[in-house]
Every structure is written in C-alpha cells, then in structure tokens.
Amino acid sequence: MPNRSRAAKASGFQREYHYRLLKSDPKWKAAFEEAWAMGCEQLEDTAAERARFGTSDVVMYQGAPCYWKYRKVKDKTTGKIEHIPIGPPITRTVQSDGLLQFLLRGAMPHKYRDQVNVKHSGKIDTGVKKFAGSMEELLALYRKLTSKTAAA
C-alpha cells in the first residue's frame, strides 16, 4: 500500500520536507503523483486477486494450528505421549465476498451501487423568513439591531 511515512523514511526525508516539495517543486509533485498512482494500482491488483482467488488461512482448533500428520513421542520423564506435528499446518482458502462487492461497486457503480429512490411531494417549511425590503432598509435594520446589542 502506498504510504507517505514509509516512503519518507526510506528516502531519508522528513515528511514535512516532502510536503514542502509538493507545494514548491512541480517536478517532485509530478513524480510523486506517478508513484502514488502506481502504488494504488498495485493495491487494486492485490485486492482483485484476493477477491477472485481468496487467501490461504491456517485451520485452527482450540487456539492451535491443525496438522494432517502427527508423530507420537513418549516423554521419558513423565511417560506421557506427546503428538508432534509433521509437515506444514492445514490451510483453507478463504474468499471475501465483501471485497468482491466493493470492487464491483467501484468498477460498475451504475449497476452495483446501493439503489436509493427518494421522492418528495409537498412543501418544506424551514421557518426562515425572507427580507422583502431594499438593501438600504436591510442595512438600517442591521445597524439598529447591532447598536442595541452593543449598548446592552
């Protein structure tokens, strides 16, 4: 994910210096915008890949990873048999319907956005009254009102 703080740290710049350069140096700004767009595209690609193919998740049972095979080993001091896992833990592919939905809404909002149809009939009374006089009358009223509050 594009991250300004990590980029500044990697380059040896302070974040504040980066922001000053963005405002003052058009070449820096153009290079930054190109790099930012590339980072965002990479982020989109990763999201699309995860939505389509899912991610690998370790299967857990009672807080511990599960394995296909175990080797039984007897503890010489206690005599208890321990099960030592052999090989990698069991994994499963988990797909994110929420991520897929999010990507669809972004790619085709006309088709996948939340459909909201609001219809209104009637009047809305805001209680705000319009001043019907001239600008001079409005100024006179303003001066009258503000002079009373200043005197009070």
C-alpha atoms as a PDB file:
ATOM      1  CA  MET A   1       0.000   0.000   0.000  1.00  0.00           C
ATOM      2  CA  PRO A   2       1.347   3.439  -0.808  1.00  0.00           C
ATOM      3  CA  ASN A   3       2.414   5.095   2.430  1.00  0.00           C
ATOM      4  CA  ARG A   4       3.904   8.572   2.672  1.00  0.00           C
ATOM      5  CA  SER A   5       5.539   7.988   6.059  1.00  0.00           C
ATOM      6  CA  ARG A   6       7.332   4.808   4.961  1.00  0.00           C
ATOM      7  CA  ALA A   7       8.402   6.422   1.692  1.00  0.00           C
ATOM      8  CA  ALA A   8       9.815   9.436   3.541  1.00  0.00           C
ATOM      9  CA  LYS A   9      11.663   7.201   5.996  1.00  0.00           C
ATOM     10  CA  ALA A  10      13.110   5.051   3.186  1.00  0.00           C
ATOM     11  CA  SER A  11      14.339   8.131   1.320  1.00  0.00           C
ATOM     12  CA  GLY A  12      15.790   9.769   4.427  1.00  0.00           C
ATOM     13  CA  PHE A  13      13.432  12.777   4.160  1.00  0.00           C
ATOM     14  CA  GLN A  14      11.216  14.182   6.858  1.00  0.00           C
ATOM     15  CA  ARG A  15       7.502  14.089   5.958  1.00  0.00           C
ATOM     16  CA  GLU A  16       7.300  17.869   6.318  1.00  0.00           C
ATOM     17  CA  TYR A  17      10.070  18.302   3.733  1.00  0.00           C
ATOM     18  CA  HIS A  18       8.121  16.091   1.306  1.00  0.00           C
ATOM     19  CA  TYR A  19       5.010  18.248   1.738  1.00  0.00           C
ATOM     20  CA  ARG A  20       7.047  21.429   1.192  1.00  0.00           C
ATOM     21  CA  LEU A  21       8.445  19.952  -2.024  1.00  0.00           C
ATOM     22  CA  LEU A  22       4.941  19.016  -3.177  1.00  0.00           C
ATOM     23  CA  LYS A  23       3.936  22.668  -2.904  1.00  0.00           C
ATOM     24  CA  SER A  24       7.102  24.211  -4.330  1.00  0.00           C
ATOM     25  CA  ASP A  25       8.567  21.779  -6.900  1.00  0.00           C
ATOM     26  CA  PRO A  26       6.374  20.826  -9.901  1.00  0.00           C
ATOM     27  CA  LYS A  27       8.761  18.022 -10.954  1.00  0.00           C
ATOM     28  CA  TRP A  28       8.643  16.494  -7.466  1.00  0.00           C
ATOM     29  CA  LYS A  29       4.849  16.740  -7.467  1.00  0.00           C
ATOM     30  CA  ALA A  30       4.572  15.043 -10.885  1.00  0.00           C
ATOM     31  CA  ALA A  31       6.960  12.241  -9.868  1.00  0.00           C
ATOM     32  CA  PHE A  32       5.105  11.753  -6.593  1.00  0.00           C
ATOM     33  CA  GLU A  33       1.701  11.599  -8.290  1.00  0.00           C
ATOM     34  CA  GLU A  34       3.009   9.000 -10.762  1.00  0.00           C
ATOM     35  CA  ALA A  35       4.496   6.880  -7.950  1.00  0.00           C
ATOM     36  CA  TRP A  36       1.300   7.225  -5.899  1.00  0.00           C
ATOM     37  CA  ALA A  37      -0.827   6.101  -8.868  1.00  0.00           C
ATOM     38  CA  MET A  38       1.443   3.076  -9.359  1.00  0.00           C
ATOM     39  CA  GLY A  39       1.094   2.158  -5.688  1.00  0.00           C
ATOM     40  CA  CYS A  40      -2.685   2.491  -5.861  1.00  0.00           C
ATOM     41  CA  GLU A  41      -2.810   0.294  -8.981  1.00  0.00           C
ATOM     42  CA  GLN A  42      -0.763  -2.355  -7.178  1.00  0.00           C
ATOM     43  CA  LEU A  43      -3.177  -2.161  -4.264  1.00  0.00           C
ATOM     44  CA  GLU A  44      -6.143  -2.598  -6.618  1.00  0.00           C
ATOM     45  CA  ASP A  45      -4.459  -5.576  -8.283  1.00  0.00           C
ATOM     46  CA  THR A  46      -3.883  -7.219  -4.906  1.00  0.00           C
ATOM     47  CA  ALA A  47      -7.497  -6.623  -3.868  1.00  0.00           C
ATOM     48  CA  ALA A  48      -8.794  -8.065  -7.147  1.00  0.00           C
ATOM     49  CA  GLU A  49      -6.569 -11.136  -6.798  1.00  0.00           C
ATOM     50  CA  ARG A  50      -7.721 -11.721  -3.214  1.00  0.00           C
ATOM     51  CA  ALA A  51     -11.372 -11.266  -4.157  1.00  0.00           C
ATOM     52  CA  ARG A  52     -11.066 -13.685  -7.072  1.00  0.00           C
ATOM     53  CA  PHE A  53      -8.771 -16.393  -5.669  1.00  0.00           C
ATOM     54  CA  GLY A  54      -9.064 -15.862  -1.910  1.00  0.00           C
ATOM     55  CA  THR A  55      -6.332 -16.053   0.705  1.00  0.00           C
ATOM     56  CA  SER A  56      -4.786 -19.021   2.493  1.00  0.00           C
ATOM     57  CA  ASP A  57      -5.792 -19.345   6.143  1.00  0.00           C
ATOM     58  CA  VAL A  58      -4.404 -21.804   8.721  1.00  0.00           C
ATOM     59  CA  VAL A  59      -7.091 -24.068  10.208  1.00  0.00           C
ATOM     60  CA  MET A  60      -7.135 -23.635  13.984  1.00  0.00           C
ATOM     61  CA  TYR A  61      -8.667 -25.779  16.730  1.00  0.00           C
ATOM     62  CA  GLN A  62      -8.765 -24.577  20.344  1.00  0.00           C
ATOM     63  CA  GLY A  63      -6.183 -21.906  19.560  1.00  0.00           C
ATOM     64  CA  ALA A  64      -3.639 -24.203  17.907  1.00  0.00           C
ATOM     65  CA  PRO A  65      -2.964 -24.953  14.230  1.00  0.00           C
ATOM     66  CA  CYS A  66      -4.147 -28.314  12.864  1.00  0.00           C
ATOM     67  CA  TYR A  67      -1.834 -30.724  11.018  1.00  0.00           C
ATOM     68  CA  TRP A  68      -2.512 -33.718   8.757  1.00  0.00           C
ATOM     69  CA  LYS A  69       0.062 -35.925  10.464  1.00  0.00           C
ATOM     70  CA  TYR A  70       1.434 -36.235  13.959  1.00  0.00           C
ATOM     71  CA  ARG A  71       4.206 -38.363  15.356  1.00  0.00           C
ATOM     72  CA  LYS A  72       3.699 -39.935  18.766  1.00  0.00           C
ATOM     73  CA  VAL A  73       6.606 -39.394  21.123  1.00  0.00           C
ATOM     74  CA  LYS A  74       6.735 -40.717  24.672  1.00  0.00           C
ATOM     75  CA  ASP A  75       8.182 -38.339  27.238  1.00  0.00           C
ATOM     76  CA  LYS A  76      10.871 -40.280  29.142  1.00  0.00           C
ATOM     77  CA  THR A  77      10.409 -38.414  32.419  1.00  0.00           C
ATOM     78  CA  THR A  78       6.588 -38.316  32.646  1.00  0.00           C
ATOM     79  CA  GLY A  79       5.681 -41.253  30.425  1.00  0.00           C
ATOM     80  CA  LYS A  80       3.042 -39.158  28.641  1.00  0.00           C
ATOM     81  CA  ILE A  81       2.626 -39.465  24.911  1.00  0.00           C
ATOM     82  CA  GLU A  82       3.003 -36.206  23.003  1.00  0.00           C
ATOM     83  CA  HIS A  83       1.818 -35.600  19.464  1.00  0.00           C
ATOM     84  CA  ILE A  84       4.460 -33.750  17.464  1.00  0.00           C
ATOM     85  CA  PRO A  85       3.191 -32.245  14.198  1.00  0.00           C
ATOM     86  CA  ILE A  86       4.800 -33.343  10.948  1.00  0.00           C
ATOM     87  CA  GLY A  87       4.845 -31.011   7.953  1.00  0.00           C
ATOM     88  CA  PRO A  88       3.013 -27.766   7.341  1.00  0.00           C
ATOM     89  CA  PRO A  89      -0.307 -26.922   9.026  1.00  0.00           C
ATOM     90  CA  ILE A  90      -3.650 -27.493   7.288  1.00  0.00           C
ATOM     91  CA  THR A  91      -4.812 -24.451   5.330  1.00  0.00           C
ATOM     92  CA  ARG A  92      -8.035 -23.472   3.636  1.00  0.00           C
ATOM     93  CA  THR A  93      -8.802 -20.875   1.008  1.00  0.00           C
ATOM     94  CA  VAL A  94     -10.984 -18.060   2.271  1.00  0.00           C
ATOM     95  CA  GLN A  95     -12.669 -15.735  -0.192  1.00  0.00           C
ATOM     96  CA  SER A  96     -14.032 -12.316   0.698  1.00  0.00           C
ATOM     97  CA  ASP A  97     -17.471 -11.597  -0.724  1.00  0.00           C
ATOM     98  CA  GLY A  98     -17.313  -8.130   0.849  1.00  0.00           C
ATOM     99  CA  LEU A  99     -14.120  -7.292  -1.031  1.00  0.00           C
ATOM    100  CA  LEU A 100     -15.609  -8.586  -4.288  1.00  0.00           C
ATOM    101  CA  GLN A 101     -18.726  -6.489  -3.715  1.00  0.00           C
ATOM    102  CA  PHE A 102     -16.588  -3.412  -3.024  1.00  0.00           C
ATOM    103  CA  LEU A 103     -14.612  -3.908  -6.252  1.00  0.00           C
ATOM    104  CA  LEU A 104     -17.794  -4.399  -8.290  1.00  0.00           C
ATOM    105  CA  ARG A 105     -19.290  -1.198  -6.898  1.00  0.00           C
ATOM    106  CA  GLY A 106     -16.136   0.698  -7.805  1.00  0.00           C
ATOM    107  CA  ALA A 107     -15.840  -0.781 -11.300  1.00  0.00           C
ATOM    108  CA  MET A 108     -19.516  -0.612 -12.263  1.00  0.00           C
ATOM    109  CA  PRO A 109     -21.310   1.832  -9.940  1.00  0.00           C
ATOM    110  CA  HIS A 110     -24.228   2.212 -12.358  1.00  0.00           C
ATOM    111  CA  LYS A 111     -25.020  -1.465 -11.862  1.00  0.00           C
ATOM    112  CA  TYR A 112     -23.882  -2.293  -8.306  1.00  0.00           C
ATOM    113  CA  ARG A 113     -24.367   0.869  -6.266  1.00  0.00           C
ATOM    114  CA  ASP A 114     -26.937   0.992  -3.484  1.00  0.00           C
ATOM    115  CA  GLN A 115     -30.206   1.840  -5.164  1.00  0.00           C
ATOM    116  CA  VAL A 116     -31.888   4.744  -3.400  1.00  0.00           C
ATOM    117  CA  ASN A 117     -35.031   6.283  -4.817  1.00  0.00           C
ATOM    118  CA  VAL A 118     -36.226   9.314  -2.864  1.00  0.00           C
ATOM    119  CA  LYS A 119     -39.439  11.057  -3.863  1.00  0.00           C
ATOM    120  CA  HIS A 120     -40.837  14.086  -2.138  1.00  0.00           C
ATOM    121  CA  SER A 121     -44.198  15.725  -2.520  1.00  0.00           C
ATOM    122  CA  GLY A 122     -45.493  18.660  -0.593  1.00  0.00           C
ATOM    123  CA  LYS A 123     -43.875  21.696   0.978  1.00  0.00           C
ATOM    124  CA  ILE A 124     -40.961  22.049   3.311  1.00  0.00           C
ATOM    125  CA  ASP A 125     -41.244  24.941   5.748  1.00  0.00           C
ATOM    126  CA  THR A 126     -37.835  25.853   7.127  1.00  0.00           C
ATOM    127  CA  GLY A 127     -39.215  28.665   9.233  1.00  0.00           C
ATOM    128  CA  VAL A 128     -36.791  31.109   7.589  1.00  0.00           C
ATOM    129  CA  LYS A 129     -38.401  34.368   6.545  1.00  0.00           C
ATOM    130  CA  LYS A 130     -37.196  36.399   3.578  1.00  0.00           C
ATOM    131  CA  PHE A 131     -36.495  40.099   3.925  1.00  0.00           C
ATOM    132  CA  ALA A 132     -38.715  41.947   1.460  1.00  0.00           C
ATOM    133  CA  GLY A 133     -37.151  45.416   1.725  1.00  0.00           C
ATOM    134  CA  SER A 134     -34.307  47.119  -0.125  1.00  0.00           C
ATOM    135  CA  MET A 135     -30.603  46.793   0.644  1.00  0.00           C
ATOM    136  CA  GLU A 136     -30.628  50.214   2.355  1.00  0.00           C
ATOM    137  CA  GLU A 137     -33.503  49.124   4.619  1.00  0.00           C
ATOM    138  CA  LEU A 138     -31.676  45.896   5.434  1.00  0.00           C
ATOM    139  CA  LEU A 139     -28.521  47.820   6.374  1.00  0.00           C
ATOM    140  CA  ALA A 140     -30.532  50.204   8.528  1.00  0.00           C
ATOM    141  CA  LEU A 141     -32.165  47.269  10.326  1.00  0.00           C
ATOM    142  CA  TYR A 142     -28.763  45.635  10.827  1.00  0.00           C
ATOM    143  CA  ARG A 143     -27.288  48.826  12.309  1.00  0.00           C
ATOM    144  CA  LYS A 144     -30.294  49.215  14.591  1.00  0.00           C
ATOM    145  CA  LEU A 145     -30.025  45.631  15.872  1.00  0.00           C
ATOM    146  CA  THR A 146     -26.261  45.711  16.363  1.00  0.00           C
ATOM    147  CA  SER A 147     -26.267  49.076  18.094  1.00  0.00           C
ATOM    148  CA  LYS A 148     -28.812  47.751  20.659  1.00  0.00           C
ATOM    149  CA  THR A 149     -26.648  44.685  21.415  1.00  0.00           C
ATOM    150  CA  ALA A 150     -23.521  46.824  21.672  1.00  0.00           C
ATOM    151  CA  ALA A 151     -25.262  49.230  24.089  1.00  0.00           C
ATOM    152  CA  ALA A 152     -26.656  46.385  26.234  1.00  0.00           C
END
